């Protein structure tokens, strides 16, 4: 049995992900009004698959009675960076966009 905290590293919070989370309550734009399912973004382990991610989110938020509907994953590749004559790379990561059932919400 894996530890769910080894699969889910942490929640990824940026302006773009906060906008994605608020689409379920947005009523001003008719094209995004149909997004009634809440979506949250997490940084996950590189080898985690979608079933493990769904299980880990449900296990971590067991007290809130969360049900995962869908999981989409994105692998972010490392970028090359140069600081004067020193070459280096940023670290790559894997993001998971988790869609919850209607009415579910994660506590911050």
PDB file of N, CA and C in Angstrom:
ATOM      1  N   UNK A   1       0.840  -1.185   0.000  1.00  0.00           N
ATOM      2  CA  UNK A   1       0.000   0.000   0.000  1.00  0.00           C
ATOM      3  C   UNK A   1       0.881   1.244   0.000  1.00  0.00           C
ATOM      4  N   UNK A   2       0.682   2.116  -0.952  1.00  0.00           N
ATOM      5  CA  UNK A   2       1.472   3.336  -1.045  1.00  0.00           C
ATOM      6  C   UNK A   2       0.912   4.416  -0.122  1.00  0.00           C
ATOM      7  N   UNK A   3       1.791   5.313   0.250  1.00  0.00           N
ATOM      8  CA  UNK A   3       1.397   6.463   1.042  1.00  0.00           C
ATOM      9  C   UNK A   3       0.850   7.526   0.081  1.00  0.00           C
ATOM     10  N   UNK A   4      -0.354   8.069   0.317  1.00  0.00           N
ATOM     11  CA  UNK A   4      -0.905   9.061  -0.619  1.00  0.00           C
ATOM     12  C   UNK A   4      -0.078  10.340  -0.696  1.00  0.00           C
ATOM     13  N   UNK A   5       0.702  10.628   0.349  1.00  0.00           N
ATOM     14  CA  UNK A   5       1.533  11.835   0.339  1.00  0.00           C
ATOM     15  C   UNK A   5       2.805  11.653  -0.489  1.00  0.00           C
ATOM     16  N   UNK A   6       3.125  10.416  -0.883  1.00  0.00           N
ATOM     17  CA  UNK A   6       4.229  10.184  -1.815  1.00  0.00           C
ATOM     18  C   UNK A   6       3.757  10.381  -3.248  1.00  0.00           C
ATOM     19  N   UNK A   7       2.483  10.218  -3.492  1.00  0.00           N
ATOM     20  CA  UNK A   7       1.919  10.405  -4.838  1.00  0.00           C
ATOM     21  C   UNK A   7       1.601  11.882  -5.055  1.00  0.00           C
ATOM     22  N   UNK A   8       0.868  12.500  -4.115  1.00  0.00           N
ATOM     23  CA  UNK A   8       0.526  13.925  -4.201  1.00  0.00           C
ATOM     24  C   UNK A   8       1.569  14.705  -3.419  1.00  0.00           C
ATOM     25  N   UNK A   9       2.340  15.537  -4.108  1.00  0.00           N
ATOM     26  CA  UNK A   9       3.377  16.329  -3.431  1.00  0.00           C
ATOM     27  C   UNK A   9       2.756  17.542  -2.735  1.00  0.00           C
ATOM     28  N   UNK A  10       2.071  18.385  -3.502  1.00  0.00           N
ATOM     29  CA  UNK A  10       1.402  19.547  -2.920  1.00  0.00           C
ATOM     30  C   UNK A  10       0.440  20.126  -3.945  1.00  0.00           C
ATOM     31  N   UNK A  11      -0.397  21.031  -3.462  1.00  0.00           N
ATOM     32  CA  UNK A  11      -1.344  21.710  -4.337  1.00  0.00           C
ATOM     33  C   UNK A  11      -0.632  22.834  -5.070  1.00  0.00           C
ATOM     34  N   UNK A  12      -0.939  23.015  -6.332  1.00  0.00           N
ATOM     35  CA  UNK A  12      -0.284  24.009  -7.174  1.00  0.00           C
ATOM     36  C   UNK A  12      -1.199  25.218  -7.273  1.00  0.00           C
ATOM     37  N   UNK A  13      -0.783  26.342  -6.682  1.00  0.00           N
ATOM     38  CA  UNK A  13      -1.638  27.522  -6.634  1.00  0.00           C
ATOM     39  C   UNK A  13      -0.951  28.664  -7.376  1.00  0.00           C
ATOM     40  N   UNK A  14      -1.563  29.074  -8.487  1.00  0.00           N
ATOM     41  CA  UNK A  14      -1.139  30.234  -9.252  1.00  0.00           C
ATOM     42  C   UNK A  14      -2.403  31.009  -9.621  1.00  0.00           C
ATOM     43  N   UNK A  15      -2.223  32.138 -10.295  1.00  0.00           N
ATOM     44  CA  UNK A  15      -3.399  32.895 -10.737  1.00  0.00           C
ATOM     45  C   UNK A  15      -4.237  32.080 -11.709  1.00  0.00           C
ATOM     46  N   UNK A  16      -3.577  31.345 -12.581  1.00  0.00           N
ATOM     47  CA  UNK A  16      -4.292  30.559 -13.584  1.00  0.00           C
ATOM     48  C   UNK A  16      -5.075  29.409 -12.940  1.00  0.00           C
ATOM     49  N   UNK A  17      -4.494  28.736 -11.945  1.00  0.00           N
ATOM     50  CA  UNK A  17      -5.215  27.643 -11.303  1.00  0.00           C
ATOM     51  C   UNK A  17      -6.351  28.157 -10.423  1.00  0.00           C
ATOM     52  N   UNK A  18      -6.179  29.336  -9.826  1.00  0.00           N
ATOM     53  CA  UNK A  18      -7.279  29.906  -9.051  1.00  0.00           C
ATOM     54  C   UNK A  18      -8.443  30.288  -9.959  1.00  0.00           C
ATOM     55  N   UNK A  19      -8.153  30.744 -11.173  1.00  0.00           N
ATOM     56  CA  UNK A  19      -9.210  31.040 -12.141  1.00  0.00           C
ATOM     57  C   UNK A  19      -9.924  29.755 -12.552  1.00  0.00           C
ATOM     58  N   UNK A  20      -9.166  28.662 -12.716  1.00  0.00           N
ATOM     59  CA  UNK A  20      -9.748  27.373 -13.064  1.00  0.00           C
ATOM     60  C   UNK A  20     -10.668  26.879 -11.951  1.00  0.00           C
ATOM     61  N   UNK A  21     -10.284  27.102 -10.694  1.00  0.00           N
ATOM     62  CA  UNK A  21     -11.113  26.707  -9.564  1.00  0.00           C
ATOM     63  C   UNK A  21     -12.383  27.542  -9.458  1.00  0.00           C
ATOM     64  N   UNK A  22     -12.316  28.818  -9.864  1.00  0.00           N
ATOM     65  CA  UNK A  22     -13.476  29.698  -9.711  1.00  0.00           C
ATOM     66  C   UNK A  22     -14.443  29.625 -10.890  1.00  0.00           C
ATOM     67  N   UNK A  23     -14.164  28.824 -11.901  1.00  0.00           N
ATOM     68  CA  UNK A  23     -15.069  28.733 -13.051  1.00  0.00           C
ATOM     69  C   UNK A  23     -16.433  28.159 -12.673  1.00  0.00           C
ATOM     70  N   UNK A  24     -16.485  27.353 -11.619  1.00  0.00           N
ATOM     71  CA  UNK A  24     -17.761  26.735 -11.234  1.00  0.00           C
ATOM     72  C   UNK A  24     -18.759  27.749 -10.685  1.00  0.00           C
ATOM     73  N   UNK A  25     -18.268  28.896 -10.189  1.00  0.00           N
ATOM     74  CA  UNK A  25     -19.171  29.905  -9.644  1.00  0.00           C
ATOM     75  C   UNK A  25     -19.315  31.116 -10.552  1.00  0.00           C
ATOM     76  N   UNK A  26     -18.604  31.136 -11.667  1.00  0.00           N
ATOM     77  CA  UNK A  26     -18.623  32.271 -12.573  1.00  0.00           C
ATOM     78  C   UNK A  26     -19.914  32.274 -13.387  1.00  0.00           C
ATOM     79  N   UNK A  27     -20.638  33.370 -13.391  1.00  0.00           N
ATOM     80  CA  UNK A  27     -21.901  33.472 -14.123  1.00  0.00           C
ATOM     81  C   UNK A  27     -21.858  34.532 -15.216  1.00  0.00           C
ATOM     82  N   UNK A  28     -20.786  35.323 -15.291  1.00  0.00           N
ATOM     83  CA  UNK A  28     -20.768  36.450 -16.223  1.00  0.00           C
ATOM     84  C   UNK A  28     -20.536  36.027 -17.667  1.00  0.00           C
ATOM     85  N   UNK A  29     -19.736  35.011 -17.907  1.00  0.00           N
ATOM     86  CA  UNK A  29     -19.391  34.614 -19.258  1.00  0.00           C
ATOM     87  C   UNK A  29     -20.189  33.372 -19.661  1.00  0.00           C
ATOM     88  N   UNK A  30     -21.011  33.445 -20.711  1.00  0.00           N
ATOM     89  CA  UNK A  30     -21.843  32.288 -21.081  1.00  0.00           C
ATOM     90  C   UNK A  30     -21.038  31.081 -21.551  1.00  0.00           C
ATOM     91  N   UNK A  31     -19.848  31.283 -22.108  1.00  0.00           N
ATOM     92  CA  UNK A  31     -19.083  30.153 -22.627  1.00  0.00           C
ATOM     93  C   UNK A  31     -18.453  29.318 -21.521  1.00  0.00           C
ATOM     94  N   UNK A  32     -18.169  29.909 -20.367  1.00  0.00           N
ATOM     95  CA  UNK A  32     -17.599  29.133 -19.267  1.00  0.00           C
ATOM     96  C   UNK A  32     -18.626  28.816 -18.190  1.00  0.00           C
ATOM     97  N   UNK A  33     -19.845  29.235 -18.370  1.00  0.00           N
ATOM     98  CA  UNK A  33     -20.889  28.983 -17.381  1.00  0.00           C
ATOM     99  C   UNK A  33     -21.176  27.493 -17.245  1.00  0.00           C
ATOM    100  N   UNK A  34     -20.896  26.722 -18.285  1.00  0.00           N
ATOM    101  CA  UNK A  34     -21.202  25.290 -18.259  1.00  0.00           C
ATOM    102  C   UNK A  34     -20.193  24.470 -17.459  1.00  0.00           C
ATOM    103  N   UNK A  35     -19.126  25.068 -16.982  1.00  0.00           N
ATOM    104  CA  UNK A  35     -18.102  24.369 -16.192  1.00  0.00           C
ATOM    105  C   UNK A  35     -18.574  24.273 -14.739  1.00  0.00           C
ATOM    106  N   UNK A  36     -19.447  23.357 -14.446  1.00  0.00           N
ATOM    107  CA  UNK A  36     -20.016  23.240 -13.102  1.00  0.00           C
ATOM    108  C   UNK A  36     -19.198  22.337 -12.189  1.00  0.00           C
ATOM    109  N   UNK A  37     -18.257  21.573 -12.765  1.00  0.00           N
ATOM    110  CA  UNK A  37     -17.468  20.667 -11.950  1.00  0.00           C
ATOM    111  C   UNK A  37     -16.208  21.381 -11.453  1.00  0.00           C
ATOM    112  N   UNK A  38     -15.928  21.331 -10.163  1.00  0.00           N
ATOM    113  CA  UNK A  38     -14.730  22.007  -9.643  1.00  0.00           C
ATOM    114  C   UNK A  38     -13.457  21.280 -10.062  1.00  0.00           C
ATOM    115  N   UNK A  39     -12.403  22.053 -10.393  1.00  0.00           N
ATOM    116  CA  UNK A  39     -11.117  21.491 -10.820  1.00  0.00           C
ATOM    117  C   UNK A  39     -10.016  22.074  -9.950  1.00  0.00           C
ATOM    118  N   UNK A  40      -9.084  21.209  -9.560  1.00  0.00           N
ATOM    119  CA  UNK A  40      -7.952  21.604  -8.728  1.00  0.00           C
ATOM    120  C   UNK A  40      -6.685  21.023  -9.334  1.00  0.00           C
ATOM    121  N   UNK A  41      -5.556  21.721  -9.141  1.00  0.00           N
ATOM    122  CA  UNK A  41      -4.283  21.313  -9.729  1.00  0.00           C
ATOM    123  C   UNK A  41      -3.320  20.926  -8.613  1.00  0.00           C
ATOM    124  N   UNK A  42      -2.634  19.784  -8.794  1.00  0.00           N
ATOM    125  CA  UNK A  42      -1.671  19.269  -7.835  1.00  0.00           C
ATOM    126  C   UNK A  42      -0.360  18.955  -8.542  1.00  0.00           C
ATOM    127  N   UNK A  43       0.744  19.067  -7.811  1.00  0.00           N
ATOM    128  CA  UNK A  43       2.034  18.560  -8.271  1.00  0.00           C
ATOM    129  C   UNK A  43       2.127  17.134  -7.741  1.00  0.00           C
ATOM    130  N   UNK A  44       2.400  16.184  -8.638  1.00  0.00           N
ATOM    131  CA  UNK A  44       2.411  14.769  -8.266  1.00  0.00           C
ATOM    132  C   UNK A  44       3.769  14.167  -8.602  1.00  0.00           C
ATOM    133  N   UNK A  45       3.987  12.933  -8.152  1.00  0.00           N
ATOM    134  CA  UNK A  45       5.221  12.219  -8.448  1.00  0.00           C
ATOM    135  C   UNK A  45       5.318  11.895  -9.930  1.00  0.00           C
ATOM    136  N   UNK A  46       6.542  11.793 -10.440  1.00  0.00           N
ATOM    137  CA  UNK A  46       6.763  11.571 -11.872  1.00  0.00           C
ATOM    138  C   UNK A  46       6.183  10.245 -12.348  1.00  0.00           C
ATOM    139  N   UNK A  47       6.175   9.226 -11.496  1.00  0.00           N
ATOM    140  CA  UNK A  47       5.725   7.895 -11.913  1.00  0.00           C
ATOM    141  C   UNK A  47       4.282   7.594 -11.527  1.00  0.00           C
ATOM    142  N   UNK A  48       3.565   8.577 -10.997  1.00  0.00           N
ATOM    143  CA  UNK A  48       2.177   8.360 -10.571  1.00  0.00           C
ATOM    144  C   UNK A  48       1.257   8.299 -11.787  1.00  0.00           C
ATOM    145  N   UNK A  49       0.346   7.321 -11.792  1.00  0.00           N
ATOM    146  CA  UNK A  49      -0.629   7.252 -12.884  1.00  0.00           C
ATOM    147  C   UNK A  49      -1.964   7.841 -12.419  1.00  0.00           C
ATOM    148  N   UNK A  50      -2.926   7.917 -13.329  1.00  0.00           N
ATOM    149  CA  UNK A  50      -4.183   8.612 -13.041  1.00  0.00           C
ATOM    150  C   UNK A  50      -4.997   7.917 -11.950  1.00  0.00           C
ATOM    151  N   UNK A  51      -4.997   6.586 -11.926  1.00  0.00           N
ATOM    152  CA  UNK A  51      -5.749   5.866 -10.903  1.00  0.00           C
ATOM    153  C   UNK A  51      -5.147   6.108  -9.523  1.00  0.00           C
ATOM    154  N   UNK A  52      -3.813   6.121  -9.429  1.00  0.00           N
ATOM    155  CA  UNK A  52      -3.164   6.377  -8.144  1.00  0.00           C
ATOM    156  C   UNK A  52      -3.424   7.800  -7.669  1.00  0.00           C
ATOM    157  N   UNK A  53      -3.435   8.754  -8.598  1.00  0.00           N
ATOM    158  CA  UNK A  53      -3.690  10.149  -8.238  1.00  0.00           C
ATOM    159  C   UNK A  53      -5.111  10.308  -7.704  1.00  0.00           C
ATOM    160  N   UNK A  54      -6.086   9.695  -8.381  1.00  0.00           N
ATOM    161  CA  UNK A  54      -7.480   9.773  -7.928  1.00  0.00           C
ATOM    162  C   UNK A  54      -7.628   9.149  -6.543  1.00  0.00           C
ATOM    163  N   UNK A  55      -7.007   7.988  -6.335  1.00  0.00           N
ATOM    164  CA  UNK A  55      -7.077   7.329  -5.031  1.00  0.00           C
ATOM    165  C   UNK A  55      -6.441   8.191  -3.948  1.00  0.00           C
ATOM    166  N   UNK A  56      -5.273   8.797  -4.249  1.00  0.00           N
ATOM    167  CA  UNK A  56      -4.558   9.589  -3.255  1.00  0.00           C
ATOM    168  C   UNK A  56      -5.347  10.838  -2.858  1.00  0.00           C
ATOM    169  N   UNK A  57      -5.977  11.501  -3.820  1.00  0.00           N
ATOM    170  CA  UNK A  57      -6.768  12.696  -3.502  1.00  0.00           C
ATOM    171  C   UNK A  57      -7.958  12.323  -2.633  1.00  0.00           C
ATOM    172  N   UNK A  58      -8.636  11.234  -2.970  1.00  0.00           N
ATOM    173  CA  UNK A  58      -9.779  10.797  -2.155  1.00  0.00           C
ATOM    174  C   UNK A  58      -9.330  10.381  -0.758  1.00  0.00           C
ATOM    175  N   UNK A  59      -8.134   9.792  -0.654  1.00  0.00           N
ATOM    176  CA  UNK A  59      -7.621   9.350   0.639  1.00  0.00           C
ATOM    177  C   UNK A  59      -7.197  10.541   1.506  1.00  0.00           C
ATOM    178  N   UNK A  60      -6.546  11.533   0.903  1.00  0.00           N
ATOM    179  CA  UNK A  60      -6.089  12.704   1.664  1.00  0.00           C
ATOM    180  C   UNK A  60      -7.280  13.525   2.162  1.00  0.00           C
ATOM    181  N   UNK A  61      -8.279  13.689   1.305  1.00  0.00           N
ATOM    182  CA  UNK A  61      -9.456  14.494   1.674  1.00  0.00           C
ATOM    183  C   UNK A  61     -10.634  13.595   2.052  1.00  0.00           C
ATOM    184  N   UNK A  62     -10.357  12.519   2.768  1.00  0.00           N
ATOM    185  CA  UNK A  62     -11.391  11.565   3.175  1.00  0.00           C
ATOM    186  C   UNK A  62     -12.408  12.202   4.117  1.00  0.00           C
ATOM    187  N   UNK A  63     -11.981  13.131   4.951  1.00  0.00           N
ATOM    188  CA  UNK A  63     -12.893  13.759   5.913  1.00  0.00           C
ATOM    189  C   UNK A  63     -13.898  14.677   5.219  1.00  0.00           C
ATOM    190  N   UNK A  64     -13.533  15.214   4.042  1.00  0.00           N
ATOM    191  CA  UNK A  64     -14.447  16.082   3.295  1.00  0.00           C
ATOM    192  C   UNK A  64     -15.374  15.307   2.367  1.00  0.00           C
ATOM    193  N   UNK A  65     -15.227  13.974   2.309  1.00  0.00           N
ATOM    194  CA  UNK A  65     -16.047  13.102   1.461  1.00  0.00           C
ATOM    195  C   UNK A  65     -15.978  13.550  -0.002  1.00  0.00           C
ATOM    196  N   UNK A  66     -14.764  13.548  -0.542  1.00  0.00           N
ATOM    197  CA  UNK A  66     -14.489  13.977  -1.912  1.00  0.00           C
ATOM    198  C   UNK A  66     -14.548  12.779  -2.853  1.00  0.00           C
ATOM    199  N   UNK A  67     -15.128  12.976  -4.045  1.00  0.00           N
ATOM    200  CA  UNK A  67     -15.158  11.946  -5.085  1.00  0.00           C
ATOM    201  C   UNK A  67     -14.566  12.522  -6.364  1.00  0.00           C
ATOM    202  N   UNK A  68     -13.537  11.864  -6.887  1.00  0.00           N
ATOM    203  CA  UNK A  68     -12.844  12.330  -8.090  1.00  0.00           C
ATOM    204  C   UNK A  68     -13.567  11.786  -9.319  1.00  0.00           C
ATOM    205  N   UNK A  69     -13.889  12.692 -10.249  1.00  0.00           N
ATOM    206  CA  UNK A  69     -14.556  12.310 -11.489  1.00  0.00           C
ATOM    207  C   UNK A  69     -13.556  12.013 -12.597  1.00  0.00           C
ATOM    208  N   UNK A  70     -12.540  12.884 -12.756  1.00  0.00           N
ATOM    209  CA  UNK A  70     -11.556  12.716 -13.825  1.00  0.00           C
ATOM    210  C   UNK A  70     -10.214  13.276 -13.389  1.00  0.00           C
ATOM    211  N   UNK A  71      -9.158  12.748 -14.003  1.00  0.00           N
ATOM    212  CA  UNK A  71      -7.803  13.231 -13.758  1.00  0.00           C
ATOM    213  C   UNK A  71      -7.115  13.415 -15.107  1.00  0.00           C
ATOM    214  N   UNK A  72      -6.555  14.606 -15.329  1.00  0.00           N
ATOM    215  CA  UNK A  72      -5.741  14.880 -16.506  1.00  0.00           C
ATOM    216  C   UNK A  72      -4.334  15.204 -16.026  1.00  0.00           C
ATOM    217  N   UNK A  73      -3.310  14.666 -16.707  1.00  0.00           N
ATOM    218  CA  UNK A  73      -1.939  14.898 -16.282  1.00  0.00           C
ATOM    219  C   UNK A  73      -1.154  15.640 -17.354  1.00  0.00           C
ATOM    220  N   UNK A  74      -0.185  16.428 -16.895  1.00  0.00           N
ATOM    221  CA  UNK A  74       0.692  17.201 -17.767  1.00  0.00           C
ATOM    222  C   UNK A  74       2.111  17.010 -17.248  1.00  0.00           C
ATOM    223  N   UNK A  75       3.033  16.623 -18.126  1.00  0.00           N
ATOM    224  CA  UNK A  75       4.435  16.522 -17.746  1.00  0.00           C
ATOM    225  C   UNK A  75       5.157  17.772 -18.223  1.00  0.00           C
ATOM    226  N   UNK A  76       5.710  18.526 -17.281  1.00  0.00           N
ATOM    227  CA  UNK A  76       6.437  19.751 -17.588  1.00  0.00           C
ATOM    228  C   UNK A  76       7.912  19.398 -17.678  1.00  0.00           C
ATOM    229  N   UNK A  77       8.505  19.603 -18.843  1.00  0.00           N
ATOM    230  CA  UNK A  77       9.905  19.256 -19.040  1.00  0.00           C
ATOM    231  C   UNK A  77      10.809  20.339 -18.464  1.00  0.00           C
ATOM    232  N   UNK A  78      12.022  19.968 -18.043  1.00  0.00           N
ATOM    233  CA  UNK A  78      12.939  20.975 -17.510  1.00  0.00           C
ATOM    234  C   UNK A  78      13.423  21.920 -18.609  1.00  0.00           C
ATOM    235  N   UNK A  79      13.637  23.162 -18.249  1.00  0.00           N
ATOM    236  CA  UNK A  79      14.116  24.160 -19.202  1.00  0.00           C
ATOM    237  C   UNK A  79      15.587  24.451 -18.931  1.00  0.00           C
ATOM    238  N   UNK A  80      16.326  24.712 -19.993  1.00  0.00           N
ATOM    239  CA  UNK A  80      17.725  25.066 -19.841  1.00  0.00           C
ATOM    240  C   UNK A  80      17.824  26.532 -19.443  1.00  0.00           C
ATOM    241  N   UNK A  81      18.657  26.806 -18.477  1.00  0.00           N
ATOM    242  CA  UNK A  81      18.884  28.168 -18.012  1.00  0.00           C
ATOM    243  C   UNK A  81      20.386  28.441 -18.031  1.00  0.00           C
ATOM    244  N   UNK A  82      20.705  29.695 -18.234  1.00  0.00           N
ATOM    245  CA  UNK A  82      22.107  30.065 -18.255  1.00  0.00           C
ATOM    246  C   UNK A  82      22.301  31.314 -17.416  1.00  0.00           C
ATOM    247  N   UNK A  83      23.232  31.249 -16.494  1.00  0.00           N
ATOM    248  CA  UNK A  83      23.592  32.398 -15.671  1.00  0.00           C
ATOM    249  C   UNK A  83      25.029  32.751 -16.021  1.00  0.00           C
ATOM    250  N   UNK A  84      25.173  33.711 -16.881  1.00  0.00           N
ATOM    251  CA  UNK A  84      26.450  34.106 -17.470  1.00  0.00           C
ATOM    252  C   UNK A  84      27.095  32.915 -18.152  1.00  0.00           C
ATOM    253  N   UNK A  85      28.145  32.342 -17.615  1.00  0.00           N
ATOM    254  CA  UNK A  85      28.782  31.220 -18.319  1.00  0.00           C
ATOM    255  C   UNK A  85      28.442  29.867 -17.718  1.00  0.00           C
ATOM    256  N   UNK A  86      27.611  29.828 -16.699  1.00  0.00           N
ATOM    257  CA  UNK A  86      27.219  28.580 -16.064  1.00  0.00           C
ATOM    258  C   UNK A  86      25.911  28.083 -16.671  1.00  0.00           C
ATOM    259  N   UNK A  87      25.899  26.846 -17.096  1.00  0.00           N
ATOM    260  CA  UNK A  87      24.695  26.241 -17.661  1.00  0.00           C
ATOM    261  C   UNK A  87      23.995  25.414 -16.587  1.00  0.00           C
ATOM    262  N   UNK A  88      22.682  25.369 -16.664  1.00  0.00           N
ATOM    263  CA  UNK A  88      21.918  24.588 -15.709  1.00  0.00           C
ATOM    264  C   UNK A  88      20.532  24.301 -16.254  1.00  0.00           C
ATOM    265  N   UNK A  89      19.734  23.633 -15.448  1.00  0.00           N
ATOM    266  CA  UNK A  89      18.366  23.309 -15.837  1.00  0.00           C
ATOM    267  C   UNK A  89      17.441  23.539 -14.657  1.00  0.00           C
ATOM    268  N   UNK A  90      16.212  23.920 -14.974  1.00  0.00           N
ATOM    269  CA  UNK A  90      15.188  23.965 -13.943  1.00  0.00           C
ATOM    270  C   UNK A  90      14.680  22.536 -13.745  1.00  0.00           C
ATOM    271  N   UNK A  91      14.062  22.272 -12.639  1.00  0.00           N
ATOM    272  CA  UNK A  91      13.556  20.926 -12.405  1.00  0.00           C
ATOM    273  C   UNK A  91      12.223  20.744 -13.124  1.00  0.00           C
ATOM    274  N   UNK A  92      12.026  19.591 -13.693  1.00  0.00           N
ATOM    275  CA  UNK A  92      10.750  19.270 -14.328  1.00  0.00           C
ATOM    276  C   UNK A  92       9.788  18.738 -13.282  1.00  0.00           C
ATOM    277  N   UNK A  93       8.506  18.687 -13.622  1.00  0.00           N
ATOM    278  CA  UNK A  93       7.521  18.172 -12.682  1.00  0.00           C
ATOM    279  C   UNK A  93       6.345  17.580 -13.463  1.00  0.00           C
ATOM    280  N   UNK A  94       5.443  16.986 -12.738  1.00  0.00           N
ATOM    281  CA  UNK A  94       4.226  16.443 -13.329  1.00  0.00           C
ATOM    282  C   UNK A  94       3.049  17.067 -12.599  1.00  0.00           C
ATOM    283  N   UNK A  95       2.107  17.661 -13.367  1.00  0.00           N
ATOM    284  CA  UNK A  95       0.922  18.287 -12.781  1.00  0.00           C
ATOM    285  C   UNK A  95      -0.291  17.413 -13.064  1.00  0.00           C
ATOM    286  N   UNK A  96      -1.231  17.425 -12.159  1.00  0.00           N
ATOM    287  CA  UNK A  96      -2.481  16.698 -12.332  1.00  0.00           C
ATOM    288  C   UNK A  96      -3.644  17.655 -12.116  1.00  0.00           C
ATOM    289  N   UNK A  97      -4.535  17.729 -13.103  1.00  0.00           N
ATOM    290  CA  UNK A  97      -5.763  18.513 -12.966  1.00  0.00           C
ATOM    291  C   UNK A  97      -6.857  17.536 -12.559  1.00  0.00           C
ATOM    292  N   UNK A  98      -7.355  17.702 -11.345  1.00  0.00           N
ATOM    293  CA  UNK A  98      -8.322  16.766 -10.766  1.00  0.00           C
ATOM    294  C   UNK A  98      -9.703  17.405 -10.808  1.00  0.00           C
ATOM    295  N   UNK A  99     -10.657  16.720 -11.433  1.00  0.00           N
ATOM    296  CA  UNK A  99     -12.042  17.176 -11.504  1.00  0.00           C
ATOM    297  C   UNK A  99     -12.850  16.417 -10.467  1.00  0.00           C
ATOM    298  N   UNK A 100     -13.571  17.145  -9.627  1.00  0.00           N
ATOM    299  CA  UNK A 100     -14.368  16.554  -8.568  1.00  0.00           C
ATOM    300  C   UNK A 100     -15.830  16.460  -8.969  1.00  0.00           C
ATOM    301  N   UNK A 101     -16.595  15.717  -8.187  1.00  0.00           N
ATOM    302  CA  UNK A 101     -18.028  15.611  -8.423  1.00  0.00           C
ATOM    303  C   UNK A 101     -18.715  16.939  -8.153  1.00  0.00           C
ATOM    304  N   UNK A 102     -19.885  17.179  -8.752  1.00  0.00           N
ATOM    305  CA  UNK A 102     -20.603  18.438  -8.488  1.00  0.00           C
ATOM    306  C   UNK A 102     -20.923  18.563  -7.000  1.00  0.00           C
ATOM    307  N   UNK A 103     -20.695  19.756  -6.468  1.00  0.00           N
ATOM    308  CA  UNK A 103     -20.982  20.014  -5.057  1.00  0.00           C
ATOM    309  C   UNK A 103     -19.804  19.764  -4.135  1.00  0.00           C
ATOM    310  N   UNK A 104     -18.771  19.053  -4.593  1.00  0.00           N
ATOM    311  CA  UNK A 104     -17.584  18.820  -3.767  1.00  0.00           C
ATOM    312  C   UNK A 104     -16.679  20.036  -3.807  1.00  0.00           C
ATOM    313  N   UNK A 105     -15.959  20.262  -2.719  1.00  0.00           N
ATOM    314  CA  UNK A 105     -15.053  21.389  -2.633  1.00  0.00           C
ATOM    315  C   UNK A 105     -13.944  21.062  -1.654  1.00  0.00           C
ATOM    316  N   UNK A 106     -12.713  21.440  -1.993  1.00  0.00           N
ATOM    317  CA  UNK A 106     -11.583  21.192  -1.105  1.00  0.00           C
ATOM    318  C   UNK A 106     -11.446  22.345  -0.125  1.00  0.00           C
ATOM    319  N   UNK A 107     -11.109  22.018   1.101  1.00  0.00           N
ATOM    320  CA  UNK A 107     -10.847  23.054   2.085  1.00  0.00           C
ATOM    321  C   UNK A 107      -9.414  23.514   1.927  1.00  0.00           C
ATOM    322  N   UNK A 108      -9.180  24.791   2.039  1.00  0.00           N
ATOM    323  CA  UNK A 108      -7.835  25.348   1.798  1.00  0.00           C
ATOM    324  C   UNK A 108      -6.904  25.108   2.937  1.00  0.00           C
TER     325      UNK A 108
END
